Amino acid sequence: MTPLQYRVFRIAALSIAVIGFSGCQEVPATSASAKTVFKTPPADPRAYTDDIMIRESRIYPDPSGVKALSGDLRPFWIAEGRVQNTLALRNADSIRIRLYITVPTKTGPDYVDTADVVVKDVPQSATKSFRQSVRLDPPAGKWNLDSEVIEAKTSPVVK
């Protein structure tokens, strides 16, 4: 036995002696009739927002020229993009995406306006495109569009 092998053996033996065998338990072999138990999913619809990815999003003025005559007078824009459900065992029944119009400043982005887009029925491990009309009022000059998933209602995949 080389000196290096002896040191490794000695360290391993001392580690076992220090830790002891009190924490070790014999685990019975699993049988074919054993059932897999899945963790109960969280009830909070924001719990799965990290598993939904916005692959791209953009807005442009509504080419139809429709204008509001009363109520919310902000102009219509077309919001489009793609959203991906990365959950392998859950369908995304409803995904709420918040679009932010921001203006860059020296201290960070200044939020000017927001709009929500709802995308329904995104299967597990799939990507779905969306195109919806939203009301936004971006300022004249330079501005940016940011987006984030704020809510994702999911349901388990039924086999």
Protein backbone atom coordinates (compact mmCIF):
# COMPACT_ATOMS: atom_id res chain seq x y z
CA MET A 1 0.00 0.00 0.00
CA THR A 2 1.44 3.37 -1.01
CA PRO A 3 1.57 6.24 1.50
CA LEU A 4 -1.20 8.09 -0.39
CA GLN A 5 -3.51 5.05 -0.35
CA TYR A 6 -2.80 4.60 3.37
CA ARG A 7 -3.76 8.24 4.10
CA VAL A 8 -7.01 7.94 2.12
CA PHE A 9 -7.86 4.69 3.92
CA ARG A 10 -7.09 6.22 7.32
CA ILE A 11 -9.22 9.34 6.62
CA ALA A 12 -12.13 7.18 5.50
CA ALA A 13 -11.85 4.96 8.59
CA LEU A 14 -11.71 7.97 10.93
CA SER A 15 -14.71 9.56 9.21
CA ILE A 16 -16.76 6.42 9.73
CA ALA A 17 -15.69 6.22 13.36
CA VAL A 18 -16.56 9.87 14.03
CA ILE A 19 -19.91 9.80 12.24
CA GLY A 20 -20.84 6.38 13.56
CA PHE A 21 -23.48 4.07 12.29
CA SER A 22 -26.35 5.45 14.38
CA GLY A 23 -27.77 7.44 11.49
CA CYS A 24 -27.79 4.50 9.09
CA GLN A 25 -30.95 2.48 8.66
CA GLU A 26 -31.68 -0.56 6.60
CA VAL A 27 -34.00 0.35 3.75
CA PRO A 28 -36.26 -2.43 2.50
CA ALA A 29 -36.23 -3.13 -1.22
CA THR A 30 -39.12 -1.56 -3.11
CA SER A 31 -41.71 -3.93 -4.41
CA ALA A 32 -43.48 -3.80 -7.75
CA SER A 33 -46.69 -2.79 -5.99
CA ALA A 34 -45.16 0.32 -4.41
CA LYS A 35 -46.89 3.52 -5.48
CA THR A 36 -45.17 6.79 -6.25
CA VAL A 37 -46.39 9.58 -4.02
CA PHE A 38 -46.32 13.06 -5.53
CA LYS A 39 -46.04 16.18 -3.48
CA THR A 40 -49.24 18.24 -3.28
CA PRO A 41 -48.89 21.25 -5.58
CA PRO A 42 -49.01 24.69 -4.00
CA ALA A 43 -52.36 26.47 -4.07
CA ASP A 44 -50.79 29.87 -4.78
CA PRO A 45 -51.02 30.62 -8.54
CA ARG A 46 -47.75 32.58 -8.35
CA ALA A 47 -45.88 29.44 -7.25
CA TYR A 48 -45.19 28.25 -10.81
CA THR A 49 -44.29 31.61 -12.36
CA ASP A 50 -40.57 30.70 -12.46
CA ASP A 51 -41.41 27.66 -14.61
CA ILE A 52 -43.10 29.72 -17.34
CA MET A 53 -40.69 31.48 -19.69
CA ILE A 54 -41.46 34.40 -21.99
CA ARG A 55 -39.42 33.62 -25.07
CA GLU A 56 -40.09 36.91 -26.84
CA SER A 57 -42.57 39.73 -26.68
CA ARG A 58 -43.11 42.92 -28.62
CA ILE A 59 -45.79 45.50 -29.22
CA TYR A 60 -46.70 47.65 -32.18
CA PRO A 61 -49.54 50.08 -32.94
CA ASP A 62 -52.85 48.48 -33.91
CA PRO A 63 -53.05 48.83 -37.70
CA SER A 64 -56.86 48.79 -37.65
CA GLY A 65 -56.96 52.40 -36.44
CA VAL A 66 -59.64 51.64 -33.81
CA LYS A 67 -59.88 54.43 -31.23
CA ALA A 68 -61.68 54.51 -27.91
CA LEU A 69 -64.38 57.16 -27.62
CA SER A 70 -65.02 56.94 -23.88
CA GLY A 71 -63.63 55.30 -20.77
CA ASP A 72 -59.98 54.23 -21.11
CA LEU A 73 -58.66 56.50 -23.87
CA ARG A 74 -55.21 54.97 -24.17
CA PRO A 75 -54.42 53.84 -27.72
CA PHE A 76 -54.68 50.21 -28.79
CA TRP A 77 -51.49 48.22 -29.40
CA ILE A 78 -50.96 44.66 -30.56
CA ALA A 79 -48.95 42.59 -28.08
CA GLU A 80 -47.47 39.37 -29.40
CA GLY A 81 -44.88 36.85 -28.37
CA ARG A 82 -44.27 33.30 -27.25
CA VAL A 83 -44.51 31.73 -23.81
CA GLN A 84 -43.04 28.35 -22.82
CA ASN A 85 -44.32 26.01 -20.11
CA THR A 86 -41.27 24.16 -18.75
CA LEU A 87 -43.29 22.03 -16.32
CA ALA A 88 -43.13 18.36 -17.34
CA LEU A 89 -46.15 17.12 -15.37
CA ARG A 90 -48.49 20.15 -15.30
CA ASN A 91 -50.54 22.00 -17.91
CA ALA A 92 -50.69 25.78 -17.69
CA ASP A 93 -54.41 26.56 -17.80
CA SER A 94 -53.98 30.33 -17.58
CA ILE A 95 -50.84 32.49 -17.67
CA ARG A 96 -50.98 36.20 -16.89
CA ILE A 97 -48.15 38.25 -18.39
CA ARG A 98 -47.62 41.86 -17.35
CA LEU A 99 -46.15 44.21 -19.96
CA TYR A 100 -44.29 47.27 -18.65
CA ILE A 101 -43.44 50.43 -20.57
CA THR A 102 -40.29 51.86 -18.97
CA VAL A 103 -38.22 54.95 -19.61
CA PRO A 104 -34.49 54.69 -18.84
CA THR A 105 -33.21 57.15 -16.23
CA LYS A 106 -29.91 57.54 -14.38
CA THR A 107 -31.34 55.85 -11.28
CA GLY A 108 -32.93 52.94 -13.15
CA PRO A 109 -36.07 52.35 -15.18
CA ASP A 110 -39.08 54.57 -14.59
CA TYR A 111 -42.34 52.63 -15.04
CA VAL A 112 -44.77 54.57 -17.21
CA ASP A 113 -47.62 52.17 -18.08
CA THR A 114 -48.64 48.52 -17.74
CA ALA A 115 -51.01 46.10 -19.43
CA ASP A 116 -51.85 42.45 -18.78
CA VAL A 117 -52.08 39.67 -21.36
CA VAL A 118 -53.70 36.31 -20.54
CA VAL A 119 -52.60 33.18 -22.41
CA LYS A 120 -54.74 30.08 -21.92
CA ASP A 121 -54.11 26.35 -22.32
CA VAL A 122 -50.36 25.85 -22.66
CA PRO A 123 -49.63 22.09 -22.46
CA GLN A 124 -46.74 20.68 -20.43
CA SER A 125 -43.29 21.18 -21.97
CA ALA A 126 -44.73 23.22 -24.83
CA THR A 127 -44.48 26.71 -26.31
CA LYS A 128 -47.48 28.76 -27.40
CA SER A 129 -47.65 32.06 -29.24
CA PHE A 130 -50.03 34.86 -28.33
CA ARG A 131 -51.37 37.95 -30.09
CA GLN A 132 -53.76 40.25 -28.25
CA SER A 133 -54.91 43.83 -28.30
CA VAL A 134 -53.85 45.88 -25.26
CA ARG A 135 -54.12 49.52 -24.23
CA LEU A 136 -50.81 51.22 -23.56
CA ASP A 137 -49.67 54.83 -23.73
CA PRO A 138 -45.89 54.94 -24.25
CA PRO A 139 -44.28 58.38 -24.03
CA ALA A 140 -42.71 60.23 -26.93
CA GLY A 141 -39.00 59.53 -27.14
CA LYS A 142 -37.04 56.50 -26.00
CA TRP A 143 -38.84 53.78 -24.05
CA ASN A 144 -38.49 50.03 -23.46
CA LEU A 145 -40.88 47.10 -23.18
CA ASP A 146 -40.35 44.70 -20.29
CA SER A 147 -42.51 41.70 -19.45
CA GLU A 148 -42.85 39.13 -16.70
CA VAL A 149 -45.13 36.25 -15.75
CA ILE A 150 -47.13 37.32 -12.70
CA GLU A 151 -49.55 34.40 -12.41
CA ALA A 152 -49.70 30.83 -13.69
CA LYS A 153 -52.66 28.61 -12.90
CA THR A 154 -51.80 24.98 -13.55
CA SER A 155 -53.38 21.55 -13.38
CA PRO A 156 -51.82 18.08 -13.33
CA VAL A 157 -51.52 16.11 -16.54
CA VAL A 158 -54.22 13.43 -16.68
CA LYS A 159 -53.13 10.13 -18.22
